[in-house]
Amino acid sequence: MTSGKRAHLPVEQRRAQLVAAAMRVMQRKGAWSLTTRAVAKEAGVPLGAVHYAFGSKTELVRAVFQADRDRSTALLRRAVEAGGSPAEILTRALTGYVDSVVADPGAEIVLQELTMMGGRDDDLRAAARESTEQYRGDVLDLLHRVAGASGGTWSGDVEVLAESVLGLLFGASVNWLCTGDDDLFRRCVTDAAQTLAARLTGDAPAQR
C-alpha cells in the first residue's frame, strides 16, 4: 500500500493505524519519544493526516489508552461470561491480565511510562488520570458483576477493593518486567484472586 492510499483511509481505520504506529515508536524509543511527526513517519502518512485524525499529541495518547482499555474490558467481560465461582471468575480475569502482559511486555512498559509521565507533564496529566479512572471503573464493574452472579456482597468498601486490585496488578507487573519471574507473577495474582473472593459475603447490603 502506498503512502498516498494510506492518507485516504476511513477515519476510524486511519486512527487505528496511527495508534499502532505510535505504539511501535514508543516501544522502540520510550514513551517520551512520542511526537506526531514520529508517528507520521512510522505510519508513512503526511503529518497533516495525524493532526486531522487526533488534533494533538494528547488526543493521540488518549487513543492509545483507549485501545488498551477496549482490550482489557473485553478480557474482563469474557471472564465473567465464562461463569464459575467468584474465585474462578476473579482468577480468570486477573490471570488474563498476566497473559496479556507476558504476551506483549513492550506494550505494558509503554502504558506504564505514559501513566507515569502524566505525573510530570501537565498536558498528559488529564489523559493519564482519565485512563486510571476508567480502569478503576472497569474493576468496579467486575466486582459488582461477580457479586451479582453469586448473590453475595463485598465486605468492606468496594471502591477500596478495586483500588487494591489495581495497585497489586501495577506492582506485580513492574516486578515481572524487572525479574521475568513468570511463576511468581501468576502465583501473586492467583493468590490475590482467592483472597479477594474470600471478601465476598452474604451478610451486608449490596454496595453500589
Protein backbone atom coordinates (compact mmCIF):
# COMPACT_ATOMS: atom_id res chain seq x y z
CA MET A 1 0.00 0.00 0.00
CA THR A 2 1.37 3.40 -0.93
CA SER A 3 1.54 6.32 1.50
CA GLY A 4 -0.94 8.17 -0.74
CA LYS A 5 -3.52 5.43 -0.30
CA ARG A 6 -2.84 5.31 3.42
CA ALA A 7 -3.59 9.01 3.72
CA HIS A 8 -7.10 8.41 2.36
CA LEU A 9 -8.18 5.61 4.70
CA PRO A 10 -11.53 5.99 6.52
CA VAL A 11 -11.09 7.99 9.74
CA GLU A 12 -11.52 5.11 12.21
CA GLN A 13 -9.20 2.85 10.23
CA ARG A 14 -6.65 5.65 9.99
CA ARG A 15 -6.88 6.28 13.74
CA ALA A 16 -6.27 2.59 14.47
CA GLN A 17 -3.30 2.59 12.10
CA LEU A 18 -1.82 5.65 13.79
CA VAL A 19 -2.31 4.22 17.29
CA ALA A 20 -0.45 1.10 16.19
CA ALA A 21 2.30 3.28 14.72
CA ALA A 22 2.51 5.28 17.97
CA MET A 23 2.93 2.06 19.94
CA ARG A 24 5.77 0.93 17.66
CA VAL A 25 7.55 4.27 18.06
CA MET A 26 7.24 4.17 21.86
CA GLN A 27 8.24 0.51 22.16
CA ARG A 28 11.45 1.23 20.27
CA LYS A 29 12.41 4.55 21.86
CA GLY A 30 10.31 5.01 25.01
CA ALA A 31 7.06 6.88 25.63
CA TRP A 32 8.89 10.21 25.95
CA SER A 33 9.87 9.93 22.27
CA LEU A 34 6.26 10.20 21.09
CA THR A 35 5.59 13.07 18.69
CA THR A 36 3.03 13.44 15.94
CA ARG A 37 5.89 13.80 13.46
CA ALA A 38 7.44 10.49 14.56
CA VAL A 39 4.07 8.77 14.22
CA ALA A 40 3.52 10.19 10.76
CA LYS A 41 6.94 8.93 9.66
CA GLU A 42 6.33 5.50 11.19
CA ALA A 43 2.90 5.19 9.54
CA GLY A 44 4.10 6.54 6.20
CA VAL A 45 1.50 9.32 6.07
CA PRO A 46 1.69 13.12 5.90
CA LEU A 47 1.95 14.92 9.23
CA GLY A 48 -1.37 16.57 8.46
CA ALA A 49 -3.07 13.16 8.45
CA VAL A 50 -2.04 12.64 12.09
CA HIS A 51 -3.26 16.09 13.08
CA TYR A 52 -6.53 15.54 11.22
CA ALA A 53 -7.14 12.23 12.99
CA PHE A 54 -6.29 13.40 16.51
CA GLY A 55 -5.73 17.13 16.66
CA SER A 56 -2.94 16.92 19.23
CA LYS A 57 -0.42 14.59 20.82
CA THR A 58 -2.61 14.44 23.94
CA GLU A 59 -5.55 13.17 21.91
CA LEU A 60 -3.28 10.54 20.38
CA VAL A 61 -2.23 9.43 23.88
CA ARG A 62 -5.89 9.21 24.88
CA ALA A 63 -6.47 6.94 21.88
CA VAL A 64 -3.55 4.71 22.93
CA PHE A 65 -5.03 4.38 26.41
CA GLN A 66 -8.49 3.72 24.96
CA ALA A 67 -7.23 0.95 22.71
CA ASP A 68 -5.74 -0.83 25.72
CA ARG A 69 -8.88 -0.27 27.76
CA ASP A 70 -11.03 -1.77 24.99
CA ARG A 71 -8.83 -4.87 25.14
CA SER A 72 -8.95 -5.13 28.93
CA THR A 73 -12.71 -4.52 29.05
CA ALA A 74 -13.26 -7.39 26.62
CA LEU A 75 -10.98 -9.59 28.73
CA LEU A 76 -12.96 -8.86 31.92
CA ARG A 77 -16.28 -9.39 30.15
CA ARG A 78 -15.18 -12.80 28.89
CA ALA A 79 -14.01 -13.75 32.37
CA VAL A 80 -17.47 -13.07 33.79
CA GLU A 81 -19.40 -14.62 30.91
CA ALA A 82 -17.46 -17.89 31.25
CA GLY A 83 -19.11 -18.32 34.66
CA GLY A 84 -17.99 -20.29 37.70
CA SER A 85 -17.43 -19.43 41.33
CA PRO A 86 -16.31 -15.93 42.37
CA ALA A 87 -12.78 -17.27 42.89
CA GLU A 88 -12.78 -18.84 39.42
CA ILE A 89 -14.06 -15.68 37.73
CA LEU A 90 -11.59 -13.43 39.54
CA THR A 91 -8.70 -15.80 38.88
CA ARG A 92 -9.63 -15.94 35.20
CA ALA A 93 -9.80 -12.15 34.99
CA LEU A 94 -6.50 -11.47 36.77
CA THR A 95 -4.55 -14.25 35.08
CA GLY A 96 -5.91 -12.97 31.77
CA TYR A 97 -4.14 -9.71 32.56
CA VAL A 98 -0.95 -11.65 33.30
CA ASP A 99 -1.22 -13.44 29.97
CA SER A 100 -1.61 -10.12 28.11
CA VAL A 101 1.43 -8.59 29.82
CA VAL A 102 3.60 -11.65 29.20
CA ALA A 103 2.48 -11.80 25.56
CA ASP A 104 3.37 -8.14 24.91
CA PRO A 105 5.64 -6.70 27.61
CA GLY A 106 6.64 -3.80 25.38
CA ALA A 107 3.06 -2.53 25.32
CA GLU A 108 2.82 -2.75 29.12
CA ILE A 109 6.03 -0.75 29.51
CA VAL A 110 4.70 1.95 27.18
CA LEU A 111 1.38 2.21 29.02
CA GLN A 112 3.08 2.46 32.41
CA GLU A 113 5.54 5.04 31.08
CA LEU A 114 2.69 7.15 29.70
CA THR A 115 0.85 6.94 33.02
CA MET A 116 3.92 7.96 34.99
CA MET A 117 4.65 10.81 32.57
CA GLY A 118 1.24 12.20 33.46
CA GLY A 119 2.62 12.99 36.90
CA ARG A 120 5.13 15.44 35.41
CA ASP A 121 3.60 16.58 32.13
CA ASP A 122 0.68 18.99 32.51
CA ASP A 123 -0.56 18.21 29.00
CA LEU A 124 -0.71 14.47 29.68
CA ARG A 125 -1.90 14.58 33.29
CA ALA A 126 -5.60 14.73 32.46
CA ALA A 127 -5.32 11.89 29.95
CA ALA A 128 -3.44 9.69 32.43
CA ARG A 129 -5.94 10.47 35.19
CA GLU A 130 -8.89 9.69 32.92
CA SER A 131 -7.29 6.40 31.92
CA THR A 132 -6.67 5.39 35.53
CA GLU A 133 -10.24 6.27 36.50
CA GLN A 134 -11.59 4.23 33.59
CA TYR A 135 -9.55 1.18 34.58
CA ARG A 136 -10.79 1.58 38.15
CA GLY A 137 -14.34 1.73 36.82
CA ASP A 138 -13.77 -1.49 34.88
CA VAL A 139 -12.54 -3.28 38.01
CA LEU A 140 -15.51 -1.93 39.99
CA ASP A 141 -17.83 -3.27 37.30
CA LEU A 142 -16.10 -6.65 37.52
CA LEU A 143 -16.56 -6.75 41.30
CA HIS A 144 -20.24 -5.80 41.03
CA ARG A 145 -20.79 -8.44 38.35
CA VAL A 146 -19.12 -11.12 40.44
CA ALA A 147 -21.21 -10.18 43.45
CA GLY A 148 -24.39 -10.13 41.38
CA ALA A 149 -23.68 -13.51 39.80
CA SER A 150 -23.05 -15.12 43.18
CA GLY A 151 -25.79 -13.34 45.13
CA GLY A 152 -23.21 -12.09 47.61
CA THR A 153 -21.92 -8.69 48.69
CA TRP A 154 -18.45 -7.37 49.39
CA SER A 155 -17.26 -6.96 52.95
CA GLY A 156 -15.66 -3.53 53.17
CA ASP A 157 -15.61 -0.62 50.76
CA VAL A 158 -15.82 -1.98 47.22
CA GLU A 159 -14.02 1.09 45.83
CA VAL A 160 -11.09 0.40 48.14
CA LEU A 161 -11.07 -3.22 46.97
CA ALA A 162 -10.94 -2.06 43.35
CA GLU A 163 -8.08 0.31 44.14
CA SER A 164 -6.22 -2.52 45.87
CA VAL A 165 -6.60 -4.73 42.79
CA LEU A 166 -5.20 -2.01 40.54
CA GLY A 167 -2.29 -1.39 42.90
CA LEU A 168 -1.45 -5.07 43.08
CA LEU A 169 -1.57 -5.53 39.30
CA PHE A 170 0.64 -2.49 38.74
CA GLY A 171 3.20 -3.62 41.32
CA ALA A 172 3.19 -7.24 40.20
CA SER A 173 3.65 -6.28 36.55
CA VAL A 174 6.54 -3.93 37.36
CA ASN A 175 8.20 -6.72 39.34
CA TRP A 176 7.73 -9.14 36.45
CA LEU A 177 9.11 -6.65 33.92
CA CYS A 178 12.24 -6.37 36.08
CA THR A 179 12.66 -10.03 37.05
CA GLY A 180 10.93 -12.05 34.34
CA ASP A 181 9.65 -14.44 37.02
CA ASP A 182 6.52 -15.82 35.34
CA ASP A 183 5.73 -18.23 38.14
CA LEU A 184 5.80 -15.55 40.84
CA PHE A 185 3.68 -13.23 38.69
CA ARG A 186 0.99 -15.87 38.25
CA ARG A 187 1.07 -17.03 41.86
CA CYS A 188 0.76 -13.45 43.05
CA VAL A 189 -2.40 -12.68 41.07
CA THR A 190 -3.92 -16.10 41.73
CA ASP A 191 -3.45 -15.63 45.46
CA ALA A 192 -4.91 -12.13 45.17
CA ALA A 193 -7.98 -13.52 43.38
CA GLN A 194 -8.51 -16.15 46.08
CA THR A 195 -8.06 -13.58 48.86
CA LEU A 196 -10.43 -11.17 47.16
CA ALA A 197 -13.08 -13.86 46.67
CA ALA A 198 -12.96 -14.53 50.42
CA ARG A 199 -14.19 -10.96 50.95
CA LEU A 200 -17.50 -11.85 49.29
CA THR A 201 -20.21 -12.47 51.88
CA GLY A 202 -23.98 -12.60 52.16
CA ASP A 203 -24.24 -10.55 55.34
CA ALA A 204 -24.18 -6.93 54.21
CA PRO A 205 -26.40 -4.88 51.91
CA ALA A 206 -25.03 -4.55 48.38
CA GLN A 207 -22.71 -1.60 47.81
CA ARG A 208 -23.39 0.31 44.60
